[in-house]
N, C-alpha and C. Protein backbone atom coordinates (compact mmCIF):
# COMPACT_ATOMS: atom_id res chain seq x y z
N MET A 1 22.53 -58.46 42.96
CA MET A 1 23.84 -57.82 42.87
C MET A 1 24.47 -58.19 41.55
N ASN A 2 25.10 -57.27 40.95
CA ASN A 2 25.74 -57.48 39.67
C ASN A 2 27.16 -56.92 39.76
N ARG A 3 28.06 -57.53 39.00
CA ARG A 3 29.40 -56.99 38.82
C ARG A 3 30.34 -57.20 40.03
N PHE A 4 30.25 -58.31 40.69
CA PHE A 4 31.22 -58.60 41.75
C PHE A 4 32.63 -58.64 41.19
N HIS A 5 32.74 -58.85 39.88
CA HIS A 5 34.06 -58.88 39.25
C HIS A 5 34.73 -57.51 39.27
N ALA A 6 34.00 -56.46 39.60
CA ALA A 6 34.57 -55.11 39.63
C ALA A 6 35.16 -54.76 41.00
N PHE A 7 34.76 -55.45 42.05
CA PHE A 7 35.24 -55.15 43.39
C PHE A 7 36.67 -55.63 43.57
N PRO A 8 37.57 -54.78 44.06
CA PRO A 8 38.95 -55.21 44.28
C PRO A 8 39.07 -56.22 45.43
N ASP A 9 38.26 -56.06 46.46
CA ASP A 9 38.30 -56.97 47.61
C ASP A 9 37.00 -57.77 47.63
N LYS A 10 36.96 -58.80 46.84
CA LYS A 10 35.74 -59.60 46.69
C LYS A 10 35.33 -60.26 48.01
N ARG A 11 36.29 -60.70 48.78
CA ARG A 11 35.96 -61.35 50.05
C ARG A 11 35.16 -60.39 50.94
N SER A 12 35.61 -59.15 51.04
CA SER A 12 34.90 -58.16 51.84
C SER A 12 33.53 -57.83 51.26
N ALA A 13 33.43 -57.77 49.94
CA ALA A 13 32.16 -57.49 49.28
C ALA A 13 31.14 -58.58 49.58
N PHE A 14 31.57 -59.83 49.48
CA PHE A 14 30.66 -60.94 49.80
C PHE A 14 30.29 -60.94 51.29
N ARG A 15 31.24 -60.65 52.14
CA ARG A 15 30.98 -60.60 53.58
C ARG A 15 29.97 -59.50 53.92
N GLU A 16 30.12 -58.33 53.30
CA GLU A 16 29.20 -57.22 53.56
C GLU A 16 27.80 -57.54 53.03
N THR A 17 27.72 -58.17 51.87
CA THR A 17 26.41 -58.57 51.33
C THR A 17 25.73 -59.52 52.30
N TYR A 18 26.48 -60.48 52.81
CA TYR A 18 25.90 -61.42 53.78
C TYR A 18 25.47 -60.70 55.05
N ARG A 19 26.26 -59.76 55.52
CA ARG A 19 25.98 -59.05 56.76
C ARG A 19 24.66 -58.27 56.68
N VAL A 20 24.43 -57.58 55.57
CA VAL A 20 23.24 -56.72 55.47
C VAL A 20 21.99 -57.47 55.02
N LEU A 21 22.13 -58.67 54.52
CA LEU A 21 20.98 -59.44 54.07
C LEU A 21 20.24 -60.05 55.27
N LYS A 22 18.92 -59.91 55.29
CA LYS A 22 18.14 -60.49 56.39
C LYS A 22 18.13 -62.00 56.31
N HIS A 23 17.84 -62.64 57.44
CA HIS A 23 17.71 -64.10 57.50
C HIS A 23 16.66 -64.53 56.49
N ARG A 24 16.97 -65.53 55.70
CA ARG A 24 16.12 -66.06 54.63
C ARG A 24 15.97 -65.08 53.46
N GLY A 25 16.77 -64.00 53.46
CA GLY A 25 16.75 -63.06 52.35
C GLY A 25 17.41 -63.66 51.12
N LYS A 26 16.99 -63.21 49.95
CA LYS A 26 17.53 -63.73 48.69
C LYS A 26 18.69 -62.86 48.21
N PHE A 27 19.71 -63.52 47.76
CA PHE A 27 20.86 -62.87 47.15
C PHE A 27 20.93 -63.38 45.72
N MET A 28 20.66 -62.49 44.78
CA MET A 28 20.67 -62.86 43.37
C MET A 28 21.71 -62.00 42.66
N GLY A 29 22.40 -62.59 41.73
CA GLY A 29 23.41 -61.83 41.04
C GLY A 29 23.97 -62.54 39.83
N CYS A 30 24.84 -61.81 39.15
CA CYS A 30 25.56 -62.37 38.03
C CYS A 30 26.92 -61.71 37.99
N CYS A 31 27.91 -62.46 37.54
CA CYS A 31 29.25 -61.88 37.46
C CYS A 31 30.13 -62.72 36.53
N TYR A 32 31.21 -62.13 36.12
CA TYR A 32 32.21 -62.81 35.29
C TYR A 32 32.93 -63.85 36.13
N ILE A 33 33.19 -65.00 35.50
CA ILE A 33 34.02 -66.03 36.11
C ILE A 33 35.11 -66.41 35.12
N CYS A 34 36.26 -66.71 35.63
CA CYS A 34 37.39 -67.04 34.75
C CYS A 34 37.43 -68.55 34.47
N GLY A 35 38.13 -68.89 33.42
CA GLY A 35 38.39 -70.29 33.14
C GLY A 35 37.37 -70.97 32.23
N GLU A 36 36.36 -70.26 31.79
CA GLU A 36 35.33 -70.86 30.94
C GLU A 36 35.59 -70.62 29.47
N SER A 37 36.26 -69.51 29.14
CA SER A 37 36.52 -69.16 27.74
C SER A 37 37.85 -68.43 27.65
N SER A 38 38.79 -69.01 26.93
CA SER A 38 40.10 -68.36 26.81
C SER A 38 39.99 -67.02 26.08
N VAL A 39 39.07 -66.90 25.15
CA VAL A 39 38.87 -65.63 24.43
C VAL A 39 38.40 -64.54 25.41
N THR A 40 37.41 -64.87 26.22
CA THR A 40 36.90 -63.90 27.20
C THR A 40 37.95 -63.60 28.25
N ASP A 41 38.65 -64.61 28.73
CA ASP A 41 39.70 -64.37 29.72
C ASP A 41 40.76 -63.44 29.18
N THR A 42 41.13 -63.57 27.92
CA THR A 42 42.12 -62.68 27.32
C THR A 42 41.57 -61.26 27.20
N LEU A 43 40.31 -61.12 26.77
CA LEU A 43 39.68 -59.81 26.68
C LEU A 43 39.66 -59.13 28.05
N VAL A 44 39.29 -59.88 29.05
CA VAL A 44 39.23 -59.33 30.40
C VAL A 44 40.60 -58.86 30.84
N SER A 45 41.61 -59.70 30.71
CA SER A 45 42.94 -59.35 31.22
C SER A 45 43.63 -58.26 30.39
N LYS A 46 43.43 -58.26 29.09
CA LYS A 46 44.15 -57.31 28.22
C LYS A 46 43.43 -55.97 28.07
N VAL A 47 42.10 -55.97 28.24
CA VAL A 47 41.36 -54.73 28.02
C VAL A 47 40.63 -54.25 29.27
N LEU A 48 39.75 -55.09 29.79
CA LEU A 48 38.85 -54.65 30.86
C LEU A 48 39.57 -54.39 32.18
N VAL A 49 40.57 -55.21 32.50
CA VAL A 49 41.35 -54.97 33.72
C VAL A 49 42.17 -53.68 33.57
N ARG A 50 42.77 -53.49 32.42
CA ARG A 50 43.59 -52.29 32.17
C ARG A 50 42.77 -51.01 32.24
N ARG A 51 41.51 -51.11 31.85
CA ARG A 51 40.61 -49.94 31.94
C ARG A 51 39.98 -49.81 33.33
N GLU A 52 40.31 -50.75 34.20
CA GLU A 52 39.83 -50.79 35.59
C GLU A 52 38.31 -50.99 35.67
N TRP A 53 37.75 -51.64 34.65
CA TRP A 53 36.33 -52.00 34.71
C TRP A 53 36.15 -53.32 35.44
N PHE A 54 37.14 -54.18 35.39
CA PHE A 54 37.16 -55.45 36.11
C PHE A 54 38.41 -55.46 36.97
N THR A 55 38.31 -56.09 38.15
CA THR A 55 39.44 -56.11 39.07
C THR A 55 39.72 -57.54 39.52
N PRO A 56 40.92 -58.05 39.24
CA PRO A 56 41.27 -59.39 39.72
C PRO A 56 41.48 -59.40 41.24
N PRO A 57 41.49 -60.54 41.85
CA PRO A 57 41.40 -61.89 41.28
C PRO A 57 39.95 -62.25 40.96
N PHE A 58 39.77 -63.19 40.06
CA PHE A 58 38.44 -63.63 39.64
C PHE A 58 38.21 -65.08 40.07
N ASP A 59 36.99 -65.37 40.46
CA ASP A 59 36.63 -66.73 40.84
C ASP A 59 36.37 -67.57 39.60
N THR A 60 36.62 -68.85 39.75
CA THR A 60 36.12 -69.83 38.78
C THR A 60 34.70 -70.17 39.21
N ALA A 61 33.98 -70.88 38.36
CA ALA A 61 32.60 -71.29 38.71
C ALA A 61 32.62 -72.14 39.98
N ALA A 62 33.54 -73.07 40.06
CA ALA A 62 33.61 -73.97 41.23
C ALA A 62 33.93 -73.20 42.51
N LYS A 63 34.85 -72.26 42.42
CA LYS A 63 35.21 -71.48 43.61
C LYS A 63 34.05 -70.60 44.07
N LEU A 64 33.35 -69.98 43.13
CA LEU A 64 32.20 -69.15 43.50
C LEU A 64 31.11 -70.00 44.12
N ARG A 65 30.85 -71.17 43.55
CA ARG A 65 29.83 -72.06 44.11
C ARG A 65 30.18 -72.43 45.55
N ARG A 66 31.43 -72.79 45.79
CA ARG A 66 31.86 -73.15 47.17
C ARG A 66 31.70 -71.95 48.11
N ARG A 67 32.07 -70.78 47.64
CA ARG A 67 31.96 -69.56 48.45
C ARG A 67 30.50 -69.33 48.87
N LEU A 68 29.61 -69.46 47.92
CA LEU A 68 28.19 -69.24 48.22
C LEU A 68 27.61 -70.32 49.10
N GLU A 69 27.95 -71.58 48.83
CA GLU A 69 27.38 -72.69 49.59
C GLU A 69 27.80 -72.72 51.05
N LYS A 70 28.86 -72.02 51.40
CA LYS A 70 29.29 -71.97 52.79
C LYS A 70 28.25 -71.32 53.69
N VAL A 71 27.54 -70.31 53.17
CA VAL A 71 26.62 -69.55 54.02
C VAL A 71 25.22 -69.38 53.45
N TYR A 72 24.99 -69.87 52.25
CA TYR A 72 23.68 -69.74 51.61
C TYR A 72 23.16 -71.10 51.17
N ASP A 73 21.83 -71.20 51.04
CA ASP A 73 21.22 -72.31 50.35
C ASP A 73 21.15 -71.89 48.90
N LEU A 74 21.81 -72.59 48.04
CA LEU A 74 21.90 -72.23 46.63
C LEU A 74 20.64 -72.73 45.92
N ILE A 75 19.85 -71.81 45.41
CA ILE A 75 18.62 -72.14 44.72
C ILE A 75 18.88 -72.37 43.23
N GLU A 76 19.71 -71.51 42.66
CA GLU A 76 20.04 -71.60 41.25
C GLU A 76 21.49 -71.18 41.05
N PHE A 77 22.16 -71.86 40.15
CA PHE A 77 23.55 -71.53 39.80
C PHE A 77 23.72 -71.95 38.36
N HIS A 78 23.76 -70.98 37.47
CA HIS A 78 23.77 -71.26 36.03
C HIS A 78 24.97 -70.58 35.39
N VAL A 79 25.80 -71.37 34.74
CA VAL A 79 26.96 -70.83 34.01
C VAL A 79 26.58 -70.74 32.55
N GLU A 80 26.79 -69.57 31.99
CA GLU A 80 26.56 -69.36 30.56
C GLU A 80 27.78 -68.62 30.02
N GLY A 81 28.62 -69.35 29.31
CA GLY A 81 29.86 -68.76 28.83
C GLY A 81 30.74 -68.39 30.02
N SER A 82 31.14 -67.15 30.08
CA SER A 82 31.99 -66.67 31.18
C SER A 82 31.21 -65.90 32.24
N MET A 83 29.91 -66.09 32.24
CA MET A 83 29.07 -65.44 33.24
C MET A 83 28.37 -66.51 34.07
N VAL A 84 28.17 -66.19 35.33
CA VAL A 84 27.40 -67.07 36.20
C VAL A 84 26.22 -66.25 36.75
N TYR A 85 25.08 -66.89 36.78
CA TYR A 85 23.86 -66.29 37.32
C TYR A 85 23.46 -67.15 38.50
N PHE A 86 23.14 -66.51 39.65
CA PHE A 86 22.84 -67.32 40.82
C PHE A 86 21.71 -66.68 41.64
N CYS A 87 21.08 -67.52 42.40
CA CYS A 87 20.09 -67.12 43.40
C CYS A 87 20.37 -67.97 44.63
N ALA A 88 20.52 -67.29 45.76
CA ALA A 88 20.82 -67.98 47.00
C ALA A 88 20.01 -67.37 48.14
N VAL A 89 19.74 -68.18 49.16
CA VAL A 89 18.99 -67.72 50.31
C VAL A 89 19.88 -67.82 51.55
N LYS A 90 19.90 -66.74 52.32
CA LYS A 90 20.70 -66.71 53.54
C LYS A 90 20.14 -67.68 54.57
N ARG A 91 21.01 -68.48 55.14
CA ARG A 91 20.58 -69.43 56.19
C ARG A 91 20.31 -68.72 57.48
């Protein structure tokens, strides 16, 4: 899955992803996270949100990790700049 930062209701999007994923299924994705780069955060808020390409609220790396670890076994979680790449397995 890519672009969770575009969903207006991220909680529902994550819940639906979990619901449709089979037991021990892999959930891999990447998305924008806030708080890693003030330049990127400004670009997102001033341009991308206004164009409706990104939709707040946005997770920080720590918040996204906690969200995933509640229901998945986290195999990989890599932050690169303002993007996070992850691989998780449904328990």
